[in-house]
Every structure is written in C-alpha cells, then in structure tokens.
Protein backbone atom coordinates (compact mmCIF):
# COMPACT_ATOMS: atom_id res chain seq x y z
CA MET A 1 -55.82 -82.43 216.18
CA SER A 2 -53.53 -81.87 219.16
CA ALA A 3 -54.71 -79.44 221.82
CA LEU A 4 -52.86 -76.26 222.72
CA PRO A 5 -51.72 -75.84 226.34
CA PRO A 6 -53.98 -73.77 228.61
CA PRO A 7 -53.39 -70.00 228.28
CA GLU A 8 -51.34 -68.12 230.87
CA ARG A 9 -50.11 -64.60 231.48
CA VAL A 10 -46.93 -63.79 229.52
CA GLU A 11 -45.11 -60.54 230.34
CA GLY A 12 -42.28 -58.53 228.89
CA PHE A 13 -39.57 -57.74 231.42
CA GLY A 14 -40.86 -54.19 231.80
CA LEU A 15 -44.24 -55.63 232.91
CA TYR A 16 -45.99 -53.10 230.64
CA ASN A 17 -46.54 -55.43 227.66
CA VAL A 18 -48.64 -58.52 228.39
CA SER A 19 -50.41 -61.29 226.50
CA VAL A 20 -52.50 -64.26 227.58
CA SER A 21 -51.17 -67.14 225.52
CA PRO A 22 -50.79 -70.92 225.44
CA VAL A 23 -47.16 -71.65 226.36
CA PHE A 24 -45.11 -74.64 225.18
CA ARG A 25 -41.91 -75.48 227.10
CA PRO A 26 -40.09 -78.13 225.05
CA GLY A 27 -37.10 -79.80 226.68
CA SER A 28 -35.76 -81.44 223.52
CA LEU A 29 -35.75 -81.11 219.74
CA ASP A 30 -38.41 -83.80 219.45
CA ALA A 31 -40.62 -81.96 221.93
CA LEU A 32 -40.09 -78.74 219.95
CA ARG A 33 -41.09 -80.51 216.73
CA GLU A 34 -44.21 -81.79 218.45
CA ALA A 35 -45.08 -78.31 219.73
CA LEU A 36 -44.70 -76.81 216.26
CA ALA A 37 -46.80 -79.60 214.77
CA THR A 38 -49.53 -78.81 217.29
CA CYS A 39 -49.39 -75.12 216.34
CA ALA A 40 -49.62 -76.02 212.64
CA SER A 41 -52.56 -78.36 213.19
CA ASN A 42 -54.39 -75.59 215.03
CA GLY A 43 -53.56 -72.99 212.39
CA SER A 44 -51.73 -70.84 214.96
CA LYS A 45 -48.46 -68.98 214.50
CA PRO A 46 -46.13 -69.17 217.53
CA VAL A 47 -43.75 -66.58 218.93
CA PHE A 48 -40.44 -67.90 220.26
CA ARG A 49 -39.34 -66.75 223.70
CA GLY A 50 -36.08 -67.15 225.57
CA ALA A 51 -35.89 -66.11 229.21
CA GLY A 52 -38.30 -63.21 228.68
CA ARG A 53 -35.77 -60.40 229.26
CA SER A 54 -36.85 -58.24 226.33
CA TYR A 55 -38.48 -55.23 227.94
CA GLY A 56 -41.46 -54.96 225.63
CA ASP A 57 -43.66 -57.16 223.47
CA ALA A 58 -41.03 -59.08 221.50
CA SER A 59 -41.71 -62.40 223.24
CA THR A 60 -45.43 -62.01 223.92
CA ASN A 61 -48.15 -63.13 221.51
CA PRO A 62 -51.70 -61.79 221.83
CA ALA A 63 -52.66 -63.70 218.66
CA GLY A 64 -51.45 -67.19 219.54
CA PRO A 65 -49.05 -69.47 221.39
CA VAL A 66 -45.61 -68.82 222.83
CA VAL A 67 -42.81 -71.40 222.64
CA GLU A 68 -40.34 -70.94 225.49
CA MET A 69 -36.92 -72.24 224.44
CA THR A 70 -35.09 -72.40 227.79
CA GLY A 71 -35.28 -76.21 227.90
CA LEU A 72 -32.82 -76.51 225.00
CA ASN A 73 -29.84 -75.47 227.12
CA ALA A 74 -27.12 -78.11 226.85
CA VAL A 75 -23.47 -77.38 226.04
CA ALA A 76 -22.91 -79.66 223.05
CA GLY A 77 -19.19 -79.12 222.43
CA PHE A 78 -16.15 -76.95 223.03
CA ASP A 79 -12.88 -76.43 221.15
CA GLU A 80 -10.43 -75.02 223.68
CA ALA A 81 -7.89 -74.07 221.00
CA SER A 82 -10.33 -71.80 219.16
CA GLY A 83 -12.58 -70.95 222.11
CA ILE A 84 -15.69 -71.92 220.14
CA VAL A 85 -18.53 -73.38 222.21
CA ARG A 86 -21.65 -75.04 220.77
CA ALA A 87 -24.70 -74.76 222.98
CA GLY A 88 -28.46 -74.95 222.89
CA ALA A 89 -30.28 -71.71 222.15
CA GLY A 90 -31.92 -71.83 225.58
CA LEU A 91 -28.64 -71.63 227.51
CA THR A 92 -28.45 -68.32 229.37
CA LEU A 93 -25.40 -66.08 229.51
CA GLY A 94 -25.38 -66.78 233.24
CA ASP A 95 -25.10 -70.52 232.79
CA LEU A 96 -22.56 -69.96 230.01
CA TRP A 97 -20.18 -67.82 232.08
CA LYS A 98 -20.46 -70.21 235.04
CA TRP A 99 -19.40 -72.99 232.69
CA SER A 100 -16.69 -71.02 230.88
CA ILE A 101 -14.93 -68.97 233.58
CA PRO A 102 -13.23 -71.99 235.25
CA ARG A 103 -11.83 -72.79 231.80
CA GLY A 104 -10.43 -69.26 231.43
CA PHE A 105 -13.04 -67.96 228.98
CA TRP A 106 -15.74 -65.27 229.07
CA PRO A 107 -18.56 -64.46 226.60
CA PRO A 108 -17.33 -61.82 224.14
CA VAL A 109 -20.45 -59.64 224.53
CA VAL A 110 -22.81 -59.66 227.50
CA THR A 111 -25.95 -57.69 228.21
CA GLY A 112 -26.68 -55.92 231.50
CA THR A 113 -28.39 -59.07 232.73
CA MET A 114 -27.03 -62.61 232.62
CA HIS A 115 -30.57 -64.00 232.28
CA VAL A 116 -30.60 -63.79 228.49
CA THR A 117 -30.58 -66.89 226.30
CA LEU A 118 -28.13 -67.37 223.45
CA GLY A 119 -30.99 -67.70 220.97
CA GLY A 120 -32.59 -64.51 222.24
CA ALA A 121 -29.23 -62.72 222.16
CA VAL A 122 -28.73 -63.63 218.50
CA ALA A 123 -32.34 -62.82 217.58
CA MET A 124 -31.88 -59.32 219.03
CA ASN A 125 -28.18 -59.10 218.10
CA VAL A 126 -27.47 -57.72 221.56
CA HIS A 127 -24.65 -55.38 222.56
CA GLY A 128 -22.82 -54.70 225.81
CA LYS A 129 -20.61 -52.14 227.50
CA ASN A 130 -17.83 -53.00 225.03
CA GLY A 131 -19.86 -52.03 221.97
CA TRP A 132 -17.10 -49.94 220.40
CA LYS A 133 -14.38 -52.58 220.73
CA LYS A 134 -16.42 -55.76 220.19
CA GLY A 135 -19.58 -54.70 218.36
CA THR A 136 -22.68 -56.87 218.71
CA ILE A 137 -22.90 -60.56 219.56
CA GLY A 138 -23.47 -61.43 215.90
CA ASP A 139 -19.86 -60.47 215.20
CA HIS A 140 -18.74 -63.41 217.39
CA VAL A 141 -21.20 -66.12 216.34
CA GLU A 142 -19.59 -68.73 214.10
CA SER A 143 -22.84 -70.40 213.11
CA VAL A 144 -26.46 -70.87 214.11
CA SER A 145 -28.70 -73.90 213.69
CA ILE A 146 -32.39 -73.40 213.07
CA LEU A 147 -35.26 -75.88 212.92
CA ARG A 148 -36.41 -75.40 209.36
CA ASP A 149 -40.12 -75.95 208.65
CA GLY A 150 -40.57 -77.61 212.03
CA CYS A 151 -38.59 -80.72 211.12
CA ARG A 152 -34.96 -80.53 209.93
CA VAL A 153 -32.03 -78.81 211.62
CA GLU A 154 -30.07 -76.55 209.29
CA GLU A 155 -26.69 -75.08 210.28
CA ILE A 156 -25.98 -71.62 208.85
CA ALA A 157 -22.42 -70.29 208.77
CA HIS A 158 -21.29 -66.76 209.59
CA GLY A 159 -20.75 -64.61 206.53
CA THR A 160 -23.58 -66.01 204.43
CA ARG A 161 -26.71 -64.20 203.33
CA ALA A 162 -28.82 -66.69 205.28
CA PHE A 163 -26.82 -65.91 208.43
CA ASP A 164 -27.51 -62.19 208.01
CA ASP A 165 -31.19 -63.02 207.77
CA VAL A 166 -31.10 -64.71 211.20
CA VAL A 167 -29.04 -62.22 213.23
CA GLY A 168 -31.29 -59.51 214.61
CA ASN A 169 -34.39 -61.14 213.11
CA TRP A 170 -36.45 -61.30 216.30
CA ARG A 171 -39.53 -62.61 214.52
CA LEU A 172 -37.80 -65.34 212.51
CA PRO A 173 -40.46 -67.97 211.68
CA ASP A 174 -38.02 -70.86 212.29
CA PRO A 175 -36.54 -71.11 215.79
CA ILE A 176 -32.83 -70.96 216.57
CA VAL A 177 -31.96 -74.24 218.33
CA GLU A 178 -28.17 -74.04 218.65
CA VAL A 179 -25.48 -71.36 218.59
CA SER A 180 -21.73 -71.67 218.02
CA LEU A 181 -20.05 -68.74 219.78
CA LYS A 182 -16.38 -67.77 219.93
CA LEU A 183 -15.54 -67.07 223.57
CA LYS A 184 -12.93 -64.61 224.79
CA LYS A 185 -9.81 -65.98 226.51
CA VAL A 186 -9.12 -64.16 229.79
CA ALA A 187 -6.03 -64.26 232.00
CA THR A 188 -8.05 -63.32 235.08
CA GLY A 189 -11.71 -62.85 235.92
CA TYR A 190 -11.17 -59.26 237.01
CA LEU A 191 -11.29 -55.79 235.49
CA ASP A 192 -9.53 -52.55 236.44
CA VAL A 193 -12.34 -49.99 236.66
CA GLU A 194 -12.17 -46.21 236.81
CA ALA A 195 -15.10 -43.89 237.54
CA THR A 196 -15.14 -40.16 236.82
CA ALA A 197 -17.78 -37.45 237.01
CA ALA A 198 -18.65 -35.56 233.81
CA PRO A 199 -20.32 -32.20 234.59
CA ASN A 200 -22.56 -31.91 231.52
CA LEU A 201 -23.66 -33.57 228.30
CA ALA A 202 -20.75 -32.31 226.19
CA ALA A 203 -18.26 -33.64 228.75
CA THR A 204 -20.13 -36.96 228.95
CA LEU A 205 -19.97 -37.60 225.22
CA ALA A 206 -16.37 -36.35 224.94
CA GLY A 207 -15.35 -38.61 227.83
CA LEU A 208 -16.91 -41.69 226.28
CA ASP A 209 -15.52 -40.89 222.85
CA GLY A 210 -12.05 -40.22 224.21
CA ALA A 211 -12.00 -43.48 226.18
CA LYS A 212 -13.18 -45.82 223.45
CA GLU A 213 -9.75 -46.78 222.08
CA ASP A 214 -7.89 -47.16 225.38
CA TRP A 215 -10.54 -49.00 227.39
CA ASP A 216 -12.31 -52.28 226.64
CA TYR A 217 -15.53 -51.28 228.40
CA VAL A 218 -17.01 -47.77 228.27
CA VAL A 219 -20.35 -46.77 229.79
CA GLY A 220 -21.94 -43.85 231.60
CA TRP A 221 -24.82 -43.41 234.04
CA MET A 222 -26.67 -40.12 233.44
CA ASP A 223 -28.62 -37.94 235.87
CA CYS A 224 -31.66 -36.93 233.80
CA TRP A 225 -33.00 -34.68 236.55
CA ALA A 226 -30.15 -32.18 236.14
CA SER A 227 -30.87 -29.13 234.00
CA GLY A 228 -29.28 -25.89 232.83
CA ARG A 229 -25.50 -26.00 232.73
CA SER A 230 -25.58 -29.44 234.39
CA LEU A 231 -27.86 -31.01 231.76
CA GLY A 232 -26.57 -34.48 230.91
CA ARG A 233 -24.12 -34.77 233.79
CA SER A 234 -22.93 -38.33 234.27
CA VAL A 235 -20.66 -40.77 236.02
CA LEU A 236 -18.46 -42.56 233.48
CA HIS A 237 -17.20 -46.09 234.12
CA VAL A 238 -14.36 -47.46 232.01
CA ALA A 239 -12.62 -50.80 232.45
CA ASN A 240 -9.82 -52.95 231.09
CA GLU A 241 -8.87 -56.53 231.80
CA HIS A 242 -6.85 -56.86 234.99
CA PRO A 243 -3.51 -58.54 234.18
CA ALA A 244 -2.50 -61.72 235.95
CA LYS A 245 -0.01 -61.02 238.73
CA GLU A 246 1.90 -63.50 240.84
CA GLY A 247 0.37 -63.95 244.27
CA GLU A 248 -2.98 -62.42 243.29
CA PRO A 249 -6.20 -64.41 243.02
CA ARG A 250 -7.12 -65.21 239.43
CA GLY A 251 -10.88 -64.89 239.83
CA LEU A 252 -11.46 -67.87 237.55
CA SER A 253 -14.09 -69.56 239.67
CA VAL A 254 -17.79 -68.99 240.14
CA GLU A 255 -17.23 -68.48 243.85
CA GLU A 256 -14.67 -65.70 243.33
CA GLN A 257 -16.86 -63.99 240.77
CA VAL A 258 -19.95 -63.97 242.98
CA ALA A 259 -17.99 -63.05 246.13
CA ASP A 260 -17.06 -59.74 244.51
CA ILE A 261 -20.68 -58.59 244.31
CA HIS A 262 -21.28 -55.76 246.77
CA THR A 263 -24.65 -54.04 247.11
CA GLY A 264 -23.40 -51.98 250.07
CA PRO A 265 -24.38 -52.21 253.75
CA VAL A 266 -28.12 -52.27 253.02
CA PRO A 267 -29.59 -55.80 252.57
CA ALA A 268 -31.11 -56.58 249.17
CA PRO A 269 -34.73 -56.82 250.47
CA VAL A 270 -34.42 -53.34 251.98
CA LEU A 271 -32.99 -52.00 248.71
CA LEU A 272 -35.90 -53.49 246.80
CA LEU A 273 -38.39 -51.93 249.20
CA GLY A 274 -36.63 -48.57 248.82
CA LEU A 275 -36.79 -48.91 245.03
CA LYS A 276 -40.51 -49.67 245.15
CA LEU A 277 -41.18 -46.63 247.34
CA THR A 278 -39.12 -44.21 245.26
CA ALA A 279 -39.03 -45.50 241.66
CA ALA A 280 -42.08 -43.61 240.42
CA GLY A 281 -41.70 -40.49 242.54
CA PRO A 282 -39.71 -37.25 242.66
CA GLN A 283 -37.45 -38.86 245.29
CA MET A 284 -35.42 -40.23 242.37
CA ARG A 285 -34.09 -36.70 241.89
CA PHE A 286 -32.23 -37.04 245.19
CA VAL A 287 -31.07 -40.61 244.45
CA ASN A 288 -29.56 -39.44 241.17
CA PHE A 289 -27.99 -36.36 242.76
CA GLY A 290 -26.48 -38.51 245.52
CA LYS A 291 -24.89 -40.87 243.03
CA TYR A 292 -23.35 -38.02 241.07
CA ALA A 293 -22.15 -36.20 244.19
CA ALA A 294 -20.53 -39.35 245.58
CA SER A 295 -18.54 -39.78 242.37
CA LEU A 296 -17.57 -36.11 242.32
CA LEU A 297 -16.27 -36.26 245.88
CA GLY A 298 -14.52 -39.59 245.32
CA GLY A 299 -12.39 -38.34 242.43
CA ARG A 300 -10.86 -40.60 239.81
CA ALA A 301 -10.19 -43.85 241.63
CA ARG A 302 -9.20 -47.21 240.19
CA THR A 303 -10.78 -50.33 241.65
CA ARG A 304 -10.66 -54.01 240.78
CA GLN A 305 -13.98 -55.69 240.04
CA SER A 306 -14.97 -59.15 238.91
CA LEU A 307 -16.42 -59.46 235.43
CA VAL A 308 -19.73 -60.47 236.99
CA ALA A 309 -19.84 -57.54 239.42
CA TYR A 310 -19.12 -55.06 236.64
CA SER A 311 -21.48 -56.64 234.12
CA PHE A 312 -24.51 -57.85 236.06
CA LEU A 313 -24.93 -55.85 239.27
CA LEU A 314 -28.72 -55.53 239.03
CA ASP A 315 -29.08 -59.30 238.76
CA TYR A 316 -28.16 -59.46 242.42
CA LEU A 317 -31.35 -57.61 243.30
CA PRO A 318 -33.66 -60.48 242.30
CA GLY A 319 -36.97 -59.34 240.91
CA TRP A 320 -36.06 -55.65 240.87
CA ASN A 321 -38.47 -55.05 238.00
CA GLU A 322 -41.32 -56.11 240.30
CA ALA A 323 -40.83 -52.83 242.17
CA TYR A 324 -42.49 -51.09 239.21
CA ARG A 325 -45.85 -52.85 239.54
CA PRO A 326 -48.70 -52.33 238.97
CA GLY A 327 -48.00 -50.18 235.90
CA GLY A 328 -44.59 -51.57 235.02
CA PHE A 329 -41.99 -49.48 233.23
CA ILE A 330 -40.95 -48.74 229.69
CA GLN A 331 -37.48 -48.19 228.31
CA TYR A 332 -36.66 -46.14 225.25
CA GLN A 333 -33.12 -46.46 223.89
CA LEU A 334 -32.09 -43.87 221.33
CA PHE A 335 -29.21 -44.74 218.98
CA VAL A 336 -27.89 -41.67 217.17
CA PRO A 337 -24.94 -40.89 214.89
CA ARG A 338 -21.87 -39.38 216.57
CA ASP A 339 -22.16 -35.94 214.98
CA ALA A 340 -25.85 -35.62 215.90
CA ALA A 341 -25.55 -37.01 219.44
CA GLU A 342 -25.13 -33.83 221.49
CA ALA A 343 -28.04 -31.99 219.90
CA ALA A 344 -30.28 -35.09 219.86
CA PHE A 345 -29.64 -36.04 223.48
CA GLU A 346 -30.03 -32.44 224.62
CA ARG A 347 -33.42 -32.38 222.94
CA ALA A 348 -34.37 -35.76 224.44
CA LEU A 349 -33.50 -34.52 227.95
CA ASP A 350 -35.37 -31.25 227.42
CA LEU A 351 -38.45 -33.14 226.19
CA GLN A 352 -38.58 -35.09 229.45
CA HIS A 353 -38.62 -31.89 231.50
CA GLU A 354 -41.15 -30.22 229.21
CA MET A 355 -43.56 -33.17 229.52
CA GLY A 356 -42.97 -33.64 233.22
CA VAL A 357 -41.75 -37.24 232.86
CA VAL A 358 -38.10 -37.73 233.81
CA SER A 359 -36.17 -40.99 233.47
CA SER A 360 -35.39 -42.65 236.78
CA LEU A 361 -32.36 -44.48 235.34
CA ALA A 362 -30.37 -43.58 232.23
CA VAL A 363 -27.35 -45.23 230.62
CA VAL A 364 -25.22 -43.83 227.79
CA LYS A 365 -22.81 -45.87 225.64
CA ARG A 366 -20.47 -45.49 222.67
CA HIS A 367 -21.00 -47.85 219.71
CA ARG A 368 -19.50 -48.80 216.41
CA ALA A 369 -21.71 -49.43 213.38
CA ASP A 370 -23.65 -52.70 213.32
CA ARG A 371 -22.87 -54.33 209.96
CA PHE A 372 -25.91 -56.63 209.87
CA SER A 373 -28.85 -55.90 207.58
CA ARG A 374 -31.22 -55.36 210.52
CA GLY A 375 -28.65 -53.35 212.44
CA TYR A 376 -29.64 -50.71 214.96
CA ALA A 377 -26.24 -49.64 216.32
CA LEU A 378 -24.53 -46.72 214.59
CA ASP A 379 -21.09 -45.15 214.74
CA GLY A 380 -22.30 -43.01 217.59
CA PHE A 381 -23.97 -43.17 220.97
CA SER A 382 -27.02 -44.64 222.66
CA LEU A 383 -29.07 -43.29 225.54
CA ALA A 384 -31.31 -45.78 227.36
CA LEU A 385 -34.08 -44.21 229.45
CA ASP A 386 -36.27 -46.01 232.03
CA PHE A 387 -39.70 -44.60 232.89
CA PRO A 388 -42.08 -46.02 235.53
CA VAL A 389 -45.66 -46.12 234.24
CA THR A 390 -48.41 -44.73 236.46
CA ARG A 391 -52.02 -43.70 235.91
CA LYS A 392 -50.96 -40.06 236.09
CA ASN A 393 -48.11 -40.19 233.58
CA ALA A 394 -49.12 -42.93 231.09
CA SER A 395 -50.52 -40.64 228.37
CA ARG A 396 -47.58 -38.24 228.68
CA LEU A 397 -45.15 -41.17 228.42
CA ILE A 398 -46.66 -42.35 225.15
CA ALA A 399 -46.54 -38.78 223.82
CA LEU A 400 -42.90 -38.58 224.89
CA ALA A 401 -42.12 -41.85 223.07
CA ARG A 402 -43.72 -40.50 219.89
CA ALA A 403 -41.61 -37.34 220.25
CA PHE A 404 -38.51 -39.53 220.56
CA ASP A 405 -39.58 -41.37 217.38
CA ALA A 406 -39.72 -38.05 215.52
CA LEU A 407 -36.36 -37.04 216.96
CA LEU A 408 -34.71 -40.25 215.71
CA LEU A 409 -36.24 -39.83 212.26
CA SER A 410 -34.90 -36.29 212.05
CA CYS A 411 -31.30 -37.21 212.94
CA GLY A 412 -30.97 -40.61 211.25
CA GLY A 413 -31.20 -42.52 214.50
CA ARG A 414 -32.44 -46.00 215.38
CA ALA A 415 -34.38 -47.79 218.13
CA TYR A 416 -33.68 -51.24 219.58
CA LYS A 417 -36.34 -53.96 219.77
CA ALA A 418 -34.96 -55.63 222.92
CA LYS A 419 -35.76 -52.45 224.85
CA ASP A 420 -38.73 -51.11 222.88
CA CYS A 421 -42.04 -51.22 224.81
CA VAL A 422 -44.06 -48.79 222.67
CA GLY A 423 -43.78 -50.02 219.07
CA SER A 424 -41.13 -47.53 218.04
CA VAL A 425 -39.07 -50.03 216.02
CA GLU A 426 -42.01 -50.83 213.77
CA ARG A 427 -43.09 -47.17 213.50
CA LEU A 428 -39.62 -46.03 212.51
CA ALA A 429 -39.21 -48.84 209.98
CA ALA A 430 -42.58 -48.01 208.40
CA ALA A 431 -41.73 -44.30 208.28
CA ARG A 432 -38.50 -45.09 206.44
CA GLY A 433 -40.20 -47.57 204.11
CA ALA A 434 -38.08 -50.43 205.49
CA ALA A 435 -39.21 -54.02 205.77
C-alpha cells in the first residue's frame, strides 16, 4: 500500500476555512493516476484543488487528502481561426492571458483575480464583470476532459448532459485535466472606462441595469457604511473595448498590460500595512466615504485602462488577504432576481447595521440567468460582501450569514460556492430539497 504524503495546513483564500491534509502535487497525468491510486489503496477520498482562490472550504478536506492540480498547466493546442485554446486544467487565467494577449486574444470571462485555474473556473462556473453580456465561463467552454475512474481520459463536448454535470460541479469525483476554451479576439488590450457616483441603492441598481446593453463590463463598488437616504450609494464602473486607432499603442503585450497598473503614489507595502491596520476597524467607514466622495467630485470622466488593470487590480497587492489574519475574512455573495433586488439588498444592508457588522468591501453586479443545472446566477443582481473575522464579531457574523440565508430563501435567491465560507450553498440546497 502506497503511503500518503505528510499532512500540511490547507487554507481557503479567506483564511477562515482550514484543513490539515495530505497534499499531492502531480506534474503529469501519470503522476495524477499514481496519486489517485494511492488514495484508493488507502481508502481515502480526495478533494481536487486549483490555485486555492475559493474563499471558503471548497478546496480543503478535513476528511482526507487534497490533490493540487496546478502542475497540469501546459497549453496543448490553439486554433487561431476559431480562437479555441486547449490547455491543462492547472493553467491559471494569469498565465493564459500572458500567453494569449500577444496573439490578440483575451479570456472571454475572467474573475477578479488572475490566480484561478481553468479547472477551478469550470468547476465553479465562474463569472466576471461582463456577466450580463457573456454569462459564465461555461458558456465559452467547448469541451472538458476528465480522468475517469483514475485511469482513462474522457473528452466531454459542450451541449451534452455529461457536460452539464461537470460545469459548476465543484465536488466532481473525477478531476478535470484539460479545458478547451473559446477566447475573445481583441483589437487592442485596452478598455474605455467611465466611473459615476450613484447616490443610493435605487440609483445603483438602475444605473447597472441601464448600462447592461451598451457596455461590455458593468460593476459597482458599494459603500455599506452609508445609511438613511444614502443607503446603498455606490461608484459604478462601466467599460467597453477601446477601438484600435492609428498612432496609438495597441496594448497587446504583457509589458504594456502590466505598465498600466497604478496603485497611486503610496507603495504597495505601505498600502498593505494600511489595510492590515484598518480592515477590521471602524476606520473603513472613512475609507469608503473617501472613495465615494472622490468619485462624486471627479464627475463622469472617461479613462483608458488595460484589460489587466481593470480586471485584476487587487492582484498587484500581493498577499492582500494576509492583512486579515489571524481571524481571516468571509465573503457572502447574494444573487437575487431583478424584481426582488432593491428590497433584498436594502434588507441585507440594514441587517449589517442592526447586527453591528458592516462589510469593509462590497461589489454589486448585473447578471443574466445561468443556464447550467447547478447554476447560481439569475436574471438579476449580485452583492458580494467582505467581512473581517475577529473574536468580538465572529458569532454575530455567523448569525448575519444565517439571516442572509433566510433572506435568499424568501426571495428566490442563490449563493455562490466560490465565495461561500459559511456553508450557505449546502444549507440553501437542503432547504429547497435540491441535490
């Protein structure tokens, strides 16, 4: 009988969910087969992990081993005419865009971090800031290959029942080993971005809804500390592809993309220290107010940003989640139908104030319905809320999460496993009698 690797600490990205597990790190299909054979011989059931960017417990395993898939990261083929790339499930979106942008292509859907693997993205069926226009990543996957029963590779085509069983199935017993993804052809690597201040929740939702047809990317940052007539005030960011113009840089190089990242005059280490000192305290009220006030004073201005700068800004503060130690942080993302959104989000914001736990960072998006059987996105909106965990607020945070669960049940809403740190996806599924 083969021995399992020694156990090690495995964390969700929010640092709140942890397991101590043996970890396999196969670098090839043969090594993956060997790892799965070892698990079988020991009677243990593995959990498959990409780059570990799910916020909660999705890629931890208190009951057994973890198989980290990042070693299977080769680009296996590319058809320039169709834009379809075949790549290992362990390839990250970051490595993918660095490979594709010099060829004039960009991933069709990206998360707020580039450090997400293709296999993990499919397993969660991730979305981005273009959720209304482009849906979830599953809409753009041509096929997936899984390692069936630990031995044979089986390719599964888009549009089949078996494909629907893979997309969004974050606890699939057979690992995804390769993904064929249709990339988006881009004329430049830049976006035209506009930012506007929305004074309250009704204006926030109306602004996002009104922008969804005319703009490729639509997202809002929300100040959860505001109350009264300012409840739900936000800064909305919308963006379209910047057209190619003679004499302008094209932005189709890694260097041009990265050069457009600006974190302001304060060095990244100082920003991280500031985040650590303020993230769990009432100082975040003033940070949020300052961001809103700056947008209000700046008016509606159009700027040009690289795709990377617009999509992955927080990635350029390496290890920003570490600022939330020792307790970590949880994120709760509420997906609600369009007609229920204003009342549901108003109640969610009021609940935070009533319980004395206010989100330090909140993001609101517009979505179209997710057509997959395990879909979480609705024709409506989502509100993602970050909460630092401390000894003083931990019990109130869990109570708040349970109140959010009840709120989603009452309005036909959904939760999202990639962000769920408190078991809400399973609780809601059980309450609805779903598998």
